[in-house]
């Protein structure tokens, strides 16, 4: 069905982005600075803006953080009715099971790194490593496993105060163990 013309028509002034991309590719400009070593250096220096730094633990401590989340607003369902009301409390540890352990430490701290090596945590298959320092590129290559950065949201949710910490699940509850590393 032809509805006719409704208003003025103008030619498209912007260039076709596909044509622009192909033109740049054909110029070869994108290859400048893309050698493997310079890309590796850029990645080594890259760290998230919300990287969390915590002090070294001064004593051993165990606790179960309260992970309960309270809805700030009503959560509507697909039919428009309220699925969960404002104020509804949800504890994810009752529904989600942690697989393995999360070892959270500062791998740029020689004492924490020595403890990590001494405990042979790198050899454990059930361990995921989260670091608050060091280059994840160098550490991942050195330890031959993925290394993740410690972000503030994890610190806040788990109520972490010091490192190293081991996070696991025991009897349906999340367990955080802060460990004082030897001198």
N, C-alpha and C. Protein backbone atom coordinates (compact mmCIF):
# COMPACT_ATOMS: atom_id res chain seq x y z
N UNK A 1 0.85 -1.17 0.00
CA UNK A 1 0.00 0.00 0.00
C UNK A 1 0.90 1.24 0.00
N UNK A 2 0.70 2.12 -0.93
CA UNK A 2 1.48 3.34 -1.06
C UNK A 2 0.79 4.45 -0.29
N UNK A 3 1.47 5.00 0.71
CA UNK A 3 0.89 6.07 1.51
C UNK A 3 1.29 7.45 0.99
N UNK A 4 2.06 7.51 -0.07
CA UNK A 4 2.47 8.78 -0.63
C UNK A 4 3.65 9.38 0.12
N UNK A 5 3.93 10.64 -0.12
CA UNK A 5 5.04 11.34 0.51
C UNK A 5 4.47 12.23 1.62
N UNK A 6 5.03 12.12 2.79
CA UNK A 6 4.61 12.93 3.94
C UNK A 6 5.77 13.80 4.38
N UNK A 7 5.92 14.93 3.90
CA UNK A 7 7.01 15.83 4.25
C UNK A 7 8.08 15.84 3.19
N UNK A 8 9.10 16.65 3.41
CA UNK A 8 10.18 16.80 2.44
C UNK A 8 11.16 15.65 2.53
N UNK A 9 11.78 15.33 1.45
CA UNK A 9 12.83 14.30 1.40
C UNK A 9 14.16 14.98 1.13
N UNK A 10 15.19 14.51 1.82
CA UNK A 10 16.52 15.07 1.64
C UNK A 10 17.49 13.93 1.34
N UNK A 11 18.53 14.20 0.56
CA UNK A 11 19.53 13.14 0.32
C UNK A 11 20.32 12.87 1.61
N UNK A 12 20.81 11.65 1.76
CA UNK A 12 21.60 11.28 2.94
C UNK A 12 22.96 11.95 2.84
N UNK A 13 23.31 12.73 3.88
CA UNK A 13 24.56 13.49 3.86
C UNK A 13 25.73 12.71 4.45
N UNK A 14 25.44 11.77 5.38
CA UNK A 14 26.51 11.02 6.04
C UNK A 14 27.08 9.97 5.10
N UNK A 15 28.39 9.72 5.20
CA UNK A 15 28.98 8.66 4.36
C UNK A 15 28.52 7.28 4.84
N UNK A 16 28.49 6.34 3.96
CA UNK A 16 28.15 4.96 4.29
C UNK A 16 29.29 4.40 5.15
N UNK A 17 28.98 3.97 6.39
CA UNK A 17 30.02 3.53 7.32
C UNK A 17 30.78 2.31 6.79
N UNK A 18 30.12 1.43 6.08
CA UNK A 18 30.81 0.27 5.51
C UNK A 18 31.88 0.74 4.52
N UNK A 19 31.55 1.73 3.71
CA UNK A 19 32.52 2.27 2.75
C UNK A 19 33.69 2.93 3.48
N UNK A 20 33.40 3.65 4.57
CA UNK A 20 34.46 4.29 5.37
C UNK A 20 35.39 3.23 5.96
N UNK A 21 34.83 2.17 6.50
CA UNK A 21 35.64 1.10 7.10
C UNK A 21 36.54 0.46 6.05
N UNK A 22 35.96 0.14 4.89
CA UNK A 22 36.77 -0.47 3.83
C UNK A 22 37.87 0.47 3.34
N UNK A 23 37.57 1.77 3.28
CA UNK A 23 38.59 2.74 2.86
C UNK A 23 39.75 2.76 3.85
N UNK A 24 39.44 2.71 5.16
CA UNK A 24 40.49 2.69 6.18
C UNK A 24 41.31 1.40 6.10
N UNK A 25 40.63 0.30 5.88
CA UNK A 25 41.33 -0.98 5.76
C UNK A 25 42.29 -0.94 4.58
N UNK A 26 41.82 -0.41 3.46
CA UNK A 26 42.66 -0.35 2.26
C UNK A 26 43.84 0.59 2.44
N UNK A 27 43.72 1.62 3.29
CA UNK A 27 44.84 2.53 3.56
C UNK A 27 45.92 1.84 4.39
N UNK A 28 45.52 0.86 5.17
CA UNK A 28 46.49 0.16 6.01
C UNK A 28 46.85 0.91 7.28
N UNK A 29 46.15 2.00 7.59
CA UNK A 29 46.45 2.80 8.78
C UNK A 29 46.26 2.00 10.08
N UNK A 30 45.33 1.08 10.09
CA UNK A 30 45.00 0.33 11.31
C UNK A 30 46.15 -0.57 11.74
N UNK A 31 47.08 -0.86 10.84
CA UNK A 31 48.19 -1.75 11.19
C UNK A 31 49.26 -1.04 12.02
N UNK A 32 49.30 0.30 11.97
CA UNK A 32 50.32 1.04 12.71
C UNK A 32 50.13 0.80 14.20
N UNK A 33 51.18 0.45 14.89
CA UNK A 33 51.12 0.24 16.33
C UNK A 33 50.42 -1.05 16.74
N UNK A 34 50.21 -1.93 15.80
CA UNK A 34 49.48 -3.16 16.10
C UNK A 34 50.40 -4.38 16.19
N UNK A 35 51.70 -4.16 16.28
CA UNK A 35 52.58 -5.31 16.39
C UNK A 35 52.35 -6.00 17.74
N UNK A 36 52.69 -7.26 17.80
CA UNK A 36 52.38 -8.09 18.95
C UNK A 36 52.97 -7.54 20.25
N UNK A 37 54.19 -7.05 20.20
CA UNK A 37 54.85 -6.58 21.42
C UNK A 37 54.20 -5.31 21.97
N UNK A 38 53.83 -4.37 21.10
CA UNK A 38 53.21 -3.14 21.59
C UNK A 38 51.80 -3.42 22.13
N UNK A 39 51.08 -4.35 21.51
CA UNK A 39 49.76 -4.72 22.02
C UNK A 39 49.89 -5.40 23.38
N UNK A 40 50.91 -6.25 23.52
CA UNK A 40 51.14 -6.94 24.79
C UNK A 40 51.45 -5.93 25.89
N UNK A 41 52.27 -4.93 25.58
CA UNK A 41 52.64 -3.90 26.56
C UNK A 41 51.40 -3.12 27.01
N UNK A 42 50.54 -2.78 26.04
CA UNK A 42 49.30 -2.05 26.39
C UNK A 42 48.44 -2.89 27.31
N UNK A 43 48.33 -4.19 27.04
CA UNK A 43 47.51 -5.08 27.86
C UNK A 43 48.11 -5.26 29.25
N UNK A 44 49.44 -5.33 29.34
CA UNK A 44 50.10 -5.50 30.64
C UNK A 44 49.81 -4.34 31.58
N UNK A 45 49.71 -3.16 31.03
CA UNK A 45 49.49 -1.97 31.85
C UNK A 45 48.02 -1.70 32.12
N UNK A 46 47.14 -2.42 31.47
CA UNK A 46 45.71 -2.19 31.59
C UNK A 46 45.16 -2.77 32.89
N UNK A 47 44.50 -1.93 33.67
CA UNK A 47 43.84 -2.37 34.90
C UNK A 47 42.50 -1.68 35.01
N UNK A 48 41.51 -2.33 35.60
CA UNK A 48 40.20 -1.69 35.71
C UNK A 48 40.26 -0.47 36.63
N UNK A 49 39.38 0.49 36.37
CA UNK A 49 39.36 1.70 37.19
C UNK A 49 38.89 1.42 38.60
N UNK A 50 38.06 0.39 38.76
CA UNK A 50 37.53 0.09 40.10
C UNK A 50 38.29 -1.06 40.77
N UNK A 51 39.58 -1.18 40.44
CA UNK A 51 40.42 -2.19 41.08
C UNK A 51 40.48 -1.92 42.57
N UNK A 52 40.16 -2.93 43.36
CA UNK A 52 40.11 -2.77 44.82
C UNK A 52 41.42 -3.17 45.45
N UNK A 53 41.92 -2.33 46.32
CA UNK A 53 43.13 -2.62 47.09
C UNK A 53 42.73 -2.82 48.54
N UNK A 54 43.22 -3.88 49.14
CA UNK A 54 42.92 -4.15 50.56
C UNK A 54 44.23 -4.43 51.29
N UNK A 55 44.26 -4.16 52.60
CA UNK A 55 45.48 -4.44 53.37
C UNK A 55 45.68 -5.95 53.55
N UNK A 56 46.89 -6.30 53.94
CA UNK A 56 47.21 -7.69 54.24
C UNK A 56 46.56 -8.05 55.58
N UNK A 57 46.04 -9.27 55.69
CA UNK A 57 45.38 -9.73 56.92
C UNK A 57 46.38 -9.76 58.07
N UNK A 58 45.96 -9.27 59.23
CA UNK A 58 46.82 -9.26 60.41
C UNK A 58 46.50 -10.43 61.34
N UNK A 59 45.38 -11.12 61.06
CA UNK A 59 45.00 -12.30 61.84
C UNK A 59 44.09 -13.17 60.99
N UNK A 60 44.01 -14.44 61.34
CA UNK A 60 43.08 -15.35 60.67
C UNK A 60 41.67 -15.01 61.13
N UNK A 61 40.72 -15.05 60.19
CA UNK A 61 39.34 -14.73 60.52
C UNK A 61 38.42 -15.46 59.55
N UNK A 62 37.32 -15.99 60.05
CA UNK A 62 36.31 -16.63 59.23
C UNK A 62 34.97 -15.98 59.50
N UNK A 63 34.17 -15.80 58.44
CA UNK A 63 32.82 -15.26 58.62
C UNK A 63 31.96 -15.63 57.43
N UNK A 64 30.66 -15.55 57.65
CA UNK A 64 29.67 -15.77 56.60
C UNK A 64 29.04 -14.42 56.27
N UNK A 65 29.38 -13.84 55.10
CA UNK A 65 28.80 -12.54 54.77
C UNK A 65 27.30 -12.68 54.45
N UNK A 66 26.55 -11.68 54.81
CA UNK A 66 25.12 -11.65 54.48
C UNK A 66 25.00 -11.11 53.06
N UNK A 67 24.58 -11.96 52.14
CA UNK A 67 24.48 -11.57 50.74
C UNK A 67 23.07 -11.14 50.36
N UNK A 68 22.21 -10.98 51.34
CA UNK A 68 20.81 -10.64 51.07
C UNK A 68 20.70 -9.32 50.31
N UNK A 69 19.89 -9.36 49.25
CA UNK A 69 19.62 -8.17 48.44
C UNK A 69 18.16 -7.80 48.63
N UNK A 70 17.89 -6.53 48.86
CA UNK A 70 16.53 -6.04 49.03
C UNK A 70 16.14 -5.21 47.80
N UNK A 71 15.03 -5.57 47.18
CA UNK A 71 14.59 -4.84 45.99
C UNK A 71 14.24 -3.40 46.34
N UNK A 72 14.82 -2.43 45.62
CA UNK A 72 14.52 -1.02 45.90
C UNK A 72 13.18 -0.58 45.31
N UNK A 73 12.68 -1.33 44.30
CA UNK A 73 11.43 -0.97 43.63
C UNK A 73 10.65 -2.26 43.33
N UNK A 74 9.38 -2.09 42.98
CA UNK A 74 8.59 -3.24 42.53
C UNK A 74 9.22 -3.81 41.26
N UNK A 75 9.19 -5.13 41.14
CA UNK A 75 9.70 -5.78 39.93
C UNK A 75 8.50 -6.34 39.17
N UNK A 76 8.15 -5.69 38.03
CA UNK A 76 6.97 -6.15 37.30
C UNK A 76 7.27 -7.41 36.49
N UNK A 77 6.23 -8.21 36.31
CA UNK A 77 6.33 -9.41 35.49
C UNK A 77 5.94 -9.08 34.05
N UNK A 78 5.93 -10.09 33.17
CA UNK A 78 5.62 -9.84 31.76
C UNK A 78 4.19 -9.36 31.53
N UNK A 79 3.27 -9.67 32.45
CA UNK A 79 1.88 -9.24 32.28
C UNK A 79 1.59 -7.88 32.91
N UNK A 80 2.60 -7.24 33.47
CA UNK A 80 2.44 -5.93 34.08
C UNK A 80 2.14 -5.98 35.56
N UNK A 81 1.78 -7.15 36.08
CA UNK A 81 1.53 -7.27 37.51
C UNK A 81 2.85 -7.35 38.26
N UNK A 82 2.82 -7.01 39.53
CA UNK A 82 4.04 -7.03 40.34
C UNK A 82 4.45 -8.48 40.61
N UNK A 83 5.62 -8.83 40.15
CA UNK A 83 6.16 -10.17 40.35
C UNK A 83 6.78 -10.27 41.75
N UNK A 84 7.62 -9.26 42.09
CA UNK A 84 8.21 -9.17 43.42
C UNK A 84 8.05 -7.72 43.89
N UNK A 85 7.50 -7.53 45.08
CA UNK A 85 7.25 -6.16 45.56
C UNK A 85 8.52 -5.49 46.09
N UNK A 86 8.49 -4.16 46.12
CA UNK A 86 9.56 -3.38 46.73
C UNK A 86 9.77 -3.90 48.15
N UNK A 87 11.04 -4.08 48.53
CA UNK A 87 11.36 -4.57 49.87
C UNK A 87 11.54 -6.08 49.93
N UNK A 88 11.27 -6.78 48.82
CA UNK A 88 11.46 -8.23 48.78
C UNK A 88 12.94 -8.54 49.01
N UNK A 89 13.22 -9.50 49.89
CA UNK A 89 14.60 -9.86 50.21
C UNK A 89 14.95 -11.19 49.52
N UNK A 90 16.17 -11.22 48.97
CA UNK A 90 16.63 -12.38 48.21
C UNK A 90 18.06 -12.70 48.62
N UNK A 91 18.30 -13.95 49.01
CA UNK A 91 19.65 -14.39 49.36
C UNK A 91 20.12 -15.36 48.27
N UNK A 92 21.02 -14.90 47.38
CA UNK A 92 21.43 -15.75 46.26
C UNK A 92 22.11 -17.05 46.69
N UNK A 93 22.72 -17.08 47.87
CA UNK A 93 23.41 -18.30 48.30
C UNK A 93 22.43 -19.45 48.57
N UNK A 94 21.15 -19.15 48.67
CA UNK A 94 20.15 -20.21 48.84
C UNK A 94 19.78 -20.86 47.52
N UNK A 95 20.12 -20.20 46.41
CA UNK A 95 19.72 -20.68 45.09
C UNK A 95 20.90 -21.03 44.19
N UNK A 96 22.04 -20.40 44.42
CA UNK A 96 23.22 -20.60 43.58
C UNK A 96 24.31 -21.26 44.41
N UNK A 97 24.90 -22.29 43.88
CA UNK A 97 25.98 -22.98 44.59
C UNK A 97 27.32 -22.60 43.95
N UNK A 98 28.26 -22.21 44.79
CA UNK A 98 29.61 -21.92 44.29
C UNK A 98 30.29 -23.23 43.93
N UNK A 99 30.94 -23.23 42.80
CA UNK A 99 31.71 -24.40 42.43
C UNK A 99 33.18 -24.08 42.70
N UNK A 100 33.76 -24.77 43.60
CA UNK A 100 35.17 -24.54 43.92
C UNK A 100 35.39 -23.40 44.88
N UNK A 101 36.64 -22.94 44.90
CA UNK A 101 37.06 -21.87 45.81
C UNK A 101 37.57 -20.69 45.01
N UNK A 102 37.41 -19.52 45.59
CA UNK A 102 37.94 -18.30 45.00
C UNK A 102 39.04 -17.81 45.92
N UNK A 103 40.27 -17.78 45.42
CA UNK A 103 41.40 -17.28 46.20
C UNK A 103 41.61 -15.83 45.78
N UNK A 104 41.45 -14.93 46.74
CA UNK A 104 41.55 -13.50 46.48
C UNK A 104 42.78 -12.98 47.21
N UNK A 105 43.73 -12.44 46.45
CA UNK A 105 44.97 -11.96 47.05
C UNK A 105 45.60 -10.91 46.17
N UNK A 106 46.67 -10.31 46.67
CA UNK A 106 47.44 -9.34 45.90
C UNK A 106 48.70 -10.05 45.42
N UNK A 107 48.69 -10.47 44.16
CA UNK A 107 49.84 -11.22 43.63
C UNK A 107 51.07 -10.35 43.41
N UNK A 108 50.94 -9.02 43.57
CA UNK A 108 52.12 -8.16 43.49
C UNK A 108 52.82 -8.05 44.84
N UNK A 109 52.20 -8.58 45.89
CA UNK A 109 52.78 -8.60 47.24
C UNK A 109 53.60 -9.89 47.38
N UNK A 110 54.94 -9.78 47.56
CA UNK A 110 55.78 -10.98 47.63
C UNK A 110 55.36 -11.98 48.71
N UNK A 111 54.90 -11.48 49.86
CA UNK A 111 54.49 -12.40 50.94
C UNK A 111 53.24 -13.18 50.57
N UNK A 112 52.27 -12.51 49.96
CA UNK A 112 51.06 -13.21 49.55
C UNK A 112 51.35 -14.19 48.41
N UNK A 113 52.24 -13.79 47.52
CA UNK A 113 52.60 -14.68 46.42
C UNK A 113 53.33 -15.92 46.95
N UNK A 114 54.22 -15.74 47.93
CA UNK A 114 54.93 -16.87 48.53
C UNK A 114 53.95 -17.81 49.22
N UNK A 115 52.96 -17.27 49.92
CA UNK A 115 51.93 -18.09 50.57
C UNK A 115 51.14 -18.88 49.52
N UNK A 116 50.76 -18.22 48.44
CA UNK A 116 50.01 -18.85 47.36
C UNK A 116 50.80 -20.03 46.79
N UNK A 117 52.09 -19.82 46.56
CA UNK A 117 52.94 -20.89 46.02
C UNK A 117 53.14 -22.01 47.04
N UNK A 118 53.41 -21.65 48.30
CA UNK A 118 53.64 -22.63 49.36
C UNK A 118 52.42 -23.53 49.58
N UNK A 119 51.22 -22.95 49.50
CA UNK A 119 49.99 -23.70 49.70
C UNK A 119 49.60 -24.52 48.46
N UNK A 120 50.37 -24.37 47.38
CA UNK A 120 50.14 -25.08 46.12
C UNK A 120 48.73 -24.84 45.57
N UNK A 121 48.23 -23.63 45.77
CA UNK A 121 46.90 -23.29 45.31
C UNK A 121 46.82 -23.22 43.79
N UNK A 122 47.95 -22.95 43.15
CA UNK A 122 47.95 -22.89 41.70
C UNK A 122 47.74 -24.28 41.08
N UNK A 123 48.05 -25.32 41.84
CA UNK A 123 47.90 -26.68 41.33
C UNK A 123 46.48 -27.20 41.50
N UNK A 124 45.68 -26.55 42.34
CA UNK A 124 44.32 -27.01 42.62
C UNK A 124 43.40 -26.65 41.46
N UNK A 125 42.67 -27.64 40.96
CA UNK A 125 41.79 -27.42 39.83
C UNK A 125 40.51 -26.69 40.20
N UNK A 126 40.15 -26.70 41.48
CA UNK A 126 38.90 -26.06 41.90
C UNK A 126 39.09 -24.59 42.30
N UNK A 127 40.26 -24.03 42.06
CA UNK A 127 40.57 -22.67 42.50
C UNK A 127 40.48 -21.68 41.33
N UNK A 128 39.81 -20.57 41.60
CA UNK A 128 39.82 -19.42 40.69
C UNK A 128 40.59 -18.32 41.41
N UNK A 129 41.47 -17.65 40.69
CA UNK A 129 42.35 -16.65 41.31
C UNK A 129 41.89 -15.24 40.95
N UNK A 130 41.72 -14.43 41.98
CA UNK A 130 41.35 -13.02 41.82
C UNK A 130 42.43 -12.20 42.51
N UNK A 131 43.04 -11.26 41.77
CA UNK A 131 44.14 -10.49 42.32
C UNK A 131 43.81 -9.00 42.38
N UNK A 132 44.34 -8.34 43.39
CA UNK A 132 44.16 -6.89 43.52
C UNK A 132 45.40 -6.14 43.06
N UNK A 133 46.35 -6.85 42.48
CA UNK A 133 47.56 -6.19 42.00
C UNK A 133 48.32 -7.05 41.02
N UNK A 134 49.20 -6.42 40.27
CA UNK A 134 49.99 -7.12 39.27
C UNK A 134 49.32 -7.08 37.91
N UNK A 135 50.04 -7.53 36.90
CA UNK A 135 49.54 -7.55 35.54
C UNK A 135 48.89 -8.90 35.26
N UNK A 136 47.60 -8.88 34.92
CA UNK A 136 46.92 -10.14 34.68
C UNK A 136 47.51 -10.87 33.47
N UNK A 137 48.09 -10.14 32.52
CA UNK A 137 48.72 -10.79 31.35
C UNK A 137 49.94 -11.58 31.80
N UNK A 138 50.85 -10.93 32.53
CA UNK A 138 52.06 -11.61 33.00
C UNK A 138 51.71 -12.75 33.95
N UNK A 139 50.80 -12.48 34.89
CA UNK A 139 50.44 -13.49 35.88
C UNK A 139 49.74 -14.69 35.24
N UNK A 140 48.86 -14.44 34.28
CA UNK A 140 48.17 -15.53 33.59
C UNK A 140 49.16 -16.42 32.86
N UNK A 141 50.14 -15.80 32.21
CA UNK A 141 51.17 -16.58 31.51
C UNK A 141 52.04 -17.34 32.50
N UNK A 142 52.44 -16.67 33.56
CA UNK A 142 53.32 -17.27 34.56
C UNK A 142 52.65 -18.44 35.29
N UNK A 143 51.39 -18.26 35.68
CA UNK A 143 50.68 -19.29 36.44
C UNK A 143 49.93 -20.27 35.55
N UNK A 144 49.89 -19.95 34.25
CA UNK A 144 49.21 -20.81 33.27
C UNK A 144 47.75 -21.05 33.62
N UNK A 145 47.08 -19.96 34.01
CA UNK A 145 45.66 -20.02 34.33
C UNK A 145 45.09 -18.60 34.25
N UNK A 146 43.79 -18.47 34.09
CA UNK A 146 43.21 -17.11 34.06
C UNK A 146 43.33 -16.43 35.43
N UNK A 147 43.62 -15.15 35.40
CA UNK A 147 43.68 -14.33 36.62
C UNK A 147 42.65 -13.22 36.42
N UNK A 148 41.86 -12.98 37.44
CA UNK A 148 40.84 -11.94 37.37
C UNK A 148 41.21 -10.83 38.35
N UNK A 149 40.76 -9.61 38.04
CA UNK A 149 41.02 -8.49 38.93
C UNK A 149 39.92 -8.38 39.98
N UNK A 150 40.32 -7.96 41.18
CA UNK A 150 39.38 -7.75 42.28
C UNK A 150 38.72 -6.38 42.10
N UNK A 151 37.42 -6.39 41.94
CA UNK A 151 36.69 -5.15 41.76
C UNK A 151 35.92 -4.81 43.04
N UNK A 152 35.66 -3.51 43.21
CA UNK A 152 35.04 -3.02 44.44
C UNK A 152 33.71 -3.69 44.75
N UNK A 153 32.93 -3.99 43.72
CA UNK A 153 31.62 -4.60 43.94
C UNK A 153 31.76 -5.96 44.64
N UNK A 154 32.81 -6.71 44.32
CA UNK A 154 33.05 -8.00 44.97
C UNK A 154 33.42 -7.78 46.43
N UNK A 155 34.29 -6.80 46.69
CA UNK A 155 34.69 -6.47 48.06
C UNK A 155 33.46 -6.09 48.89
N UNK A 156 32.60 -5.26 48.31
CA UNK A 156 31.41 -4.81 49.03
C UNK A 156 30.44 -5.95 49.30
N UNK A 157 30.18 -6.77 48.29
CA UNK A 157 29.20 -7.86 48.45
C UNK A 157 29.68 -8.92 49.43
N UNK A 158 30.99 -9.23 49.39
CA UNK A 158 31.53 -10.27 50.27
C UNK A 158 32.02 -9.73 51.60
N UNK A 159 31.95 -8.42 51.78
CA UNK A 159 32.37 -7.76 53.03
C UNK A 159 33.85 -8.04 53.35
N UNK A 160 34.68 -8.06 52.31
CA UNK A 160 36.11 -8.33 52.49
C UNK A 160 36.79 -7.15 53.17
N UNK A 161 37.68 -7.46 54.11
CA UNK A 161 38.43 -6.41 54.81
C UNK A 161 39.94 -6.55 54.60
N UNK A 162 40.41 -7.78 54.32
CA UNK A 162 41.85 -8.01 54.21
C UNK A 162 42.11 -9.18 53.26
N UNK A 163 43.36 -9.24 52.80
CA UNK A 163 43.79 -10.30 51.89
C UNK A 163 45.01 -11.00 52.45
N UNK A 164 45.26 -12.23 52.08
CA UNK A 164 44.48 -13.08 51.18
C UNK A 164 43.23 -13.62 51.86
N UNK A 165 42.24 -13.91 51.02
CA UNK A 165 40.98 -14.50 51.48
C UNK A 165 40.63 -15.66 50.56
N UNK A 166 39.99 -16.66 51.14
CA UNK A 166 39.48 -17.78 50.35
C UNK A 166 37.96 -17.78 50.54
N UNK A 167 37.24 -17.74 49.42
CA UNK A 167 35.79 -17.74 49.45
C UNK A 167 35.31 -19.10 48.94
N UNK A 168 34.45 -19.73 49.75
CA UNK A 168 33.89 -21.03 49.38
C UNK A 168 32.46 -21.10 49.90
N UNK A 169 31.84 -22.24 49.73
CA UNK A 169 30.50 -22.42 50.26
C UNK A 169 30.47 -23.66 51.13
N UNK A 170 29.90 -23.51 52.32
CA UNK A 170 29.84 -24.60 53.28
C UNK A 170 28.46 -24.62 53.92
N UNK A 171 27.82 -25.76 53.88
CA UNK A 171 26.47 -25.90 54.45
C UNK A 171 25.49 -24.88 53.90
N UNK A 172 25.60 -24.61 52.60
CA UNK A 172 24.67 -23.68 51.95
C UNK A 172 24.96 -22.22 52.18
N UNK A 173 26.01 -21.90 52.92
CA UNK A 173 26.37 -20.49 53.20
C UNK A 173 27.72 -20.19 52.59
N UNK A 174 27.89 -18.95 52.17
CA UNK A 174 29.18 -18.50 51.67
C UNK A 174 30.11 -18.29 52.86
N UNK A 175 31.31 -18.82 52.76
CA UNK A 175 32.30 -18.72 53.84
C UNK A 175 33.50 -17.95 53.32
N UNK A 176 33.91 -16.93 54.07
CA UNK A 176 35.12 -16.16 53.75
C UNK A 176 36.14 -16.43 54.84
N UNK A 177 37.34 -16.83 54.42
CA UNK A 177 38.45 -17.07 55.35
C UNK A 177 39.56 -16.08 55.00
N UNK A 178 39.83 -15.16 55.91
CA UNK A 178 40.99 -14.27 55.76
C UNK A 178 42.16 -14.95 56.43
N UNK A 179 43.30 -14.93 55.77
CA UNK A 179 44.46 -15.67 56.25
C UNK A 179 45.64 -14.73 56.49
N UNK A 180 46.21 -14.82 57.69
CA UNK A 180 47.43 -14.06 57.97
C UNK A 180 48.59 -14.85 57.38
N UNK A 181 49.31 -14.23 56.46
CA UNK A 181 50.43 -14.92 55.83
C UNK A 181 51.66 -14.82 56.72
N UNK A 182 52.50 -15.86 56.72
CA UNK A 182 53.69 -15.83 57.56
C UNK A 182 54.67 -14.73 57.12
N UNK A 183 55.47 -14.30 58.10
CA UNK A 183 56.48 -13.27 57.82
C UNK A 183 57.53 -13.81 56.88
